[in-house]
Amino acid sequence: MFADRVYALVALIPEGRVVSYGQLAHMAGRPGYARMVGQLMGRAAVPNLPYHRVVKTDGSLCEGYEFGVRGIQREMLRAEGVPFTEQGRVDMRHAVWKGLSDMNPLNLKA
């Protein structure tokens, strides 16, 4: 099921990294389903998943109260060391997670 794949992938996003809705849809096998991913994130059906690490393609964050308090997503990402641009968006060049191919089992620096 698509939702299960999305939630499983969200669970794997490492601290200090982000993924876009569209990228997550692609990783879950449904390119073009970014809106569906957004709906799944909005429902927050699975507790303790790092939903805050899913952002828009341009690095923009949720504008509203999706995480209970306005602005908390930014605070959570900053606390993890996620870099932001001068425009206030996540710096996708430095923070994006590329999926399983980006994971390093020995935690070595490239």
C-alpha atoms as a PDB file:
ATOM      1  CA  MET A   1       0.000   0.000   0.000  1.00  0.00           C
ATOM      2  CA  PHE A   2       1.307   3.447  -0.938  1.00  0.00           C
ATOM      3  CA  ALA A   3       0.694   4.994   2.486  1.00  0.00           C
ATOM      4  CA  ASP A   4       2.652   2.237   4.217  1.00  0.00           C
ATOM      5  CA  ARG A   5       5.623   2.773   1.889  1.00  0.00           C
ATOM      6  CA  VAL A   6       5.527   6.526   2.496  1.00  0.00           C
ATOM      7  CA  TYR A   7       5.415   6.138   6.273  1.00  0.00           C
ATOM      8  CA  ALA A   8       8.227   3.566   6.168  1.00  0.00           C
ATOM      9  CA  LEU A   9      10.392   5.985   4.189  1.00  0.00           C
ATOM     10  CA  VAL A  10       9.622   8.905   6.508  1.00  0.00           C
ATOM     11  CA  ALA A  11      10.824   6.759   9.406  1.00  0.00           C
ATOM     12  CA  LEU A  12      14.202   6.430   7.658  1.00  0.00           C
ATOM     13  CA  ILE A  13      14.868  10.145   7.055  1.00  0.00           C
ATOM     14  CA  PRO A  14      17.942  10.877   9.167  1.00  0.00           C
ATOM     15  CA  GLU A  15      18.111  13.711  11.646  1.00  0.00           C
ATOM     16  CA  GLY A  16      19.351  16.889  10.006  1.00  0.00           C
ATOM     17  CA  ARG A  17      18.074  15.900   6.559  1.00  0.00           C
ATOM     18  CA  VAL A  18      14.853  16.573   4.657  1.00  0.00           C
ATOM     19  CA  VAL A  19      12.974  15.194   1.675  1.00  0.00           C
ATOM     20  CA  SER A  20      10.369  16.857  -0.534  1.00  0.00           C
ATOM     21  CA  TYR A  21       6.817  15.608  -0.976  1.00  0.00           C
ATOM     22  CA  GLY A  22       7.496  14.823  -4.631  1.00  0.00           C
ATOM     23  CA  GLN A  23      10.768  13.087  -3.898  1.00  0.00           C
ATOM     24  CA  LEU A  24       9.050  10.964  -1.254  1.00  0.00           C
ATOM     25  CA  ALA A  25       6.293  10.023  -3.704  1.00  0.00           C
ATOM     26  CA  HIS A  26       8.918   8.991  -6.244  1.00  0.00           C
ATOM     27  CA  MET A  27      10.806   6.904  -3.654  1.00  0.00           C
ATOM     28  CA  ALA A  28       7.528   5.210  -2.711  1.00  0.00           C
ATOM     29  CA  GLY A  29       6.964   4.200  -6.335  1.00  0.00           C
ATOM     30  CA  ARG A  30       4.391   6.812  -7.343  1.00  0.00           C
ATOM     31  CA  PRO A  31       6.029   9.734  -9.153  1.00  0.00           C
ATOM     32  CA  GLY A  32       3.581  12.603  -9.442  1.00  0.00           C
ATOM     33  CA  TYR A  33       1.778  11.787  -6.196  1.00  0.00           C
ATOM     34  CA  ALA A  34       3.251  14.670  -4.166  1.00  0.00           C
ATOM     35  CA  ARG A  35      -0.214  15.924  -3.178  1.00  0.00           C
ATOM     36  CA  MET A  36      -1.111  12.481  -1.881  1.00  0.00           C
ATOM     37  CA  VAL A  37       2.061  12.488   0.218  1.00  0.00           C
ATOM     38  CA  GLY A  38       1.067  15.901   1.556  1.00  0.00           C
ATOM     39  CA  GLN A  39      -2.323  14.543   2.542  1.00  0.00           C
ATOM     40  CA  LEU A  40      -0.695  11.602   4.298  1.00  0.00           C
ATOM     41  CA  MET A  41       1.623  13.943   6.180  1.00  0.00           C
ATOM     42  CA  GLY A  42      -1.342  16.114   7.159  1.00  0.00           C
ATOM     43  CA  ARG A  43      -3.140  13.159   8.673  1.00  0.00           C
ATOM     44  CA  ALA A  44      -0.125  12.198  10.816  1.00  0.00           C
ATOM     45  CA  ALA A  45      -1.563   8.707  11.187  1.00  0.00           C
ATOM     46  CA  VAL A  46       1.585   7.095  12.595  1.00  0.00           C
ATOM     47  CA  PRO A  47       2.939   8.408  15.909  1.00  0.00           C
ATOM     48  CA  ASN A  48       6.602   9.306  16.425  1.00  0.00           C
ATOM     49  CA  LEU A  49       7.493   9.689  12.752  1.00  0.00           C
ATOM     50  CA  PRO A  50       9.641  12.697  11.793  1.00  0.00           C
ATOM     51  CA  TYR A  51       6.971  14.321   9.613  1.00  0.00           C
ATOM     52  CA  HIS A  52       8.690  17.664  10.124  1.00  0.00           C
ATOM     53  CA  ARG A  53      11.494  16.461   7.807  1.00  0.00           C
ATOM     54  CA  VAL A  54       9.176  16.506   4.774  1.00  0.00           C
ATOM     55  CA  VAL A  55       9.135  19.886   3.013  1.00  0.00           C
ATOM     56  CA  LYS A  56       8.155  21.439  -0.307  1.00  0.00           C
ATOM     57  CA  THR A  57      10.465  21.050  -3.311  1.00  0.00           C
ATOM     58  CA  ASP A  58      11.754  24.602  -2.975  1.00  0.00           C
ATOM     59  CA  GLY A  59      12.516  24.124   0.731  1.00  0.00           C
ATOM     60  CA  SER A  60       9.411  25.950   1.936  1.00  0.00           C
ATOM     61  CA  LEU A  61       7.757  24.758   5.116  1.00  0.00           C
ATOM     62  CA  CYS A  62       4.138  24.359   6.174  1.00  0.00           C
ATOM     63  CA  GLU A  63       2.766  27.816   6.873  1.00  0.00           C
ATOM     64  CA  GLY A  64       0.099  26.860   9.364  1.00  0.00           C
ATOM     65  CA  TYR A  65      -0.406  24.873  12.516  1.00  0.00           C
ATOM     66  CA  GLU A  66       0.189  21.426  11.023  1.00  0.00           C
ATOM     67  CA  PHE A  67       2.531  20.530  13.892  1.00  0.00           C
ATOM     68  CA  GLY A  68       0.370  22.006  16.641  1.00  0.00           C
ATOM     69  CA  VAL A  69       2.196  25.329  16.950  1.00  0.00           C
ATOM     70  CA  ARG A  70       2.878  27.822  14.181  1.00  0.00           C
ATOM     71  CA  GLY A  71       6.593  27.835  13.318  1.00  0.00           C
ATOM     72  CA  ILE A  72       7.464  24.661  15.210  1.00  0.00           C
ATOM     73  CA  GLN A  73       8.577  22.840  12.041  1.00  0.00           C
ATOM     74  CA  ARG A  74      11.312  25.436  11.492  1.00  0.00           C
ATOM     75  CA  GLU A  75      12.400  25.193  15.134  1.00  0.00           C
ATOM     76  CA  MET A  76      12.544  21.401  14.984  1.00  0.00           C
ATOM     77  CA  LEU A  77      14.621  21.432  11.804  1.00  0.00           C
ATOM     78  CA  ARG A  78      16.986  24.118  13.113  1.00  0.00           C
ATOM     79  CA  ALA A  79      17.494  22.065  16.296  1.00  0.00           C
ATOM     80  CA  GLU A  80      18.628  19.179  14.076  1.00  0.00           C
ATOM     81  CA  GLY A  81      21.100  21.409  12.248  1.00  0.00           C
ATOM     82  CA  VAL A  82      19.173  21.734   8.979  1.00  0.00           C
ATOM     83  CA  PRO A  83      20.566  24.754   7.080  1.00  0.00           C
ATOM     84  CA  PHE A  84      18.275  27.518   5.839  1.00  0.00           C
ATOM     85  CA  THR A  85      18.720  30.062   3.052  1.00  0.00           C
ATOM     86  CA  GLU A  86      18.492  33.811   3.525  1.00  0.00           C
ATOM     87  CA  GLN A  87      14.928  33.564   2.169  1.00  0.00           C
ATOM     88  CA  GLY A  88      13.977  31.329   5.106  1.00  0.00           C
ATOM     89  CA  ARG A  89      13.690  28.094   3.146  1.00  0.00           C
ATOM     90  CA  VAL A  90      15.534  24.856   3.813  1.00  0.00           C
ATOM     91  CA  ASP A  91      18.789  24.824   1.856  1.00  0.00           C
ATOM     92  CA  MET A  92      17.903  21.818  -0.279  1.00  0.00           C
ATOM     93  CA  ARG A  93      21.398  21.651  -1.792  1.00  0.00           C
ATOM     94  CA  HIS A  94      22.829  20.766   1.603  1.00  0.00           C
ATOM     95  CA  ALA A  95      19.992  19.128   3.508  1.00  0.00           C
ATOM     96  CA  VAL A  96      18.168  16.854   1.075  1.00  0.00           C
ATOM     97  CA  TRP A  97      18.160  13.126   1.801  1.00  0.00           C
ATOM     98  CA  LYS A  98      18.540  11.008  -1.327  1.00  0.00           C
ATOM     99  CA  GLY A  99      16.989   7.898   0.131  1.00  0.00           C
ATOM    100  CA  LEU A 100      18.583   4.574   0.872  1.00  0.00           C
ATOM    101  CA  SER A 101      21.471   5.287  -1.495  1.00  0.00           C
ATOM    102  CA  ASP A 102      22.351   8.229   0.764  1.00  0.00           C
ATOM    103  CA  MET A 103      22.630   6.073   3.865  1.00  0.00           C
ATOM    104  CA  ASN A 104      26.077   5.004   4.964  1.00  0.00           C
ATOM    105  CA  PRO A 105      26.090   1.977   7.286  1.00  0.00           C
ATOM    106  CA  LEU A 106      29.531   2.861   8.638  1.00  0.00           C
ATOM    107  CA  ASN A 107      28.604   6.537   9.084  1.00  0.00           C
ATOM    108  CA  LEU A 108      31.743   7.584   7.205  1.00  0.00           C
ATOM    109  CA  LYS A 109      32.210  11.040   5.734  1.00  0.00           C
ATOM    110  CA  ALA A 110      32.555  11.046   1.942  1.00  0.00           C
END
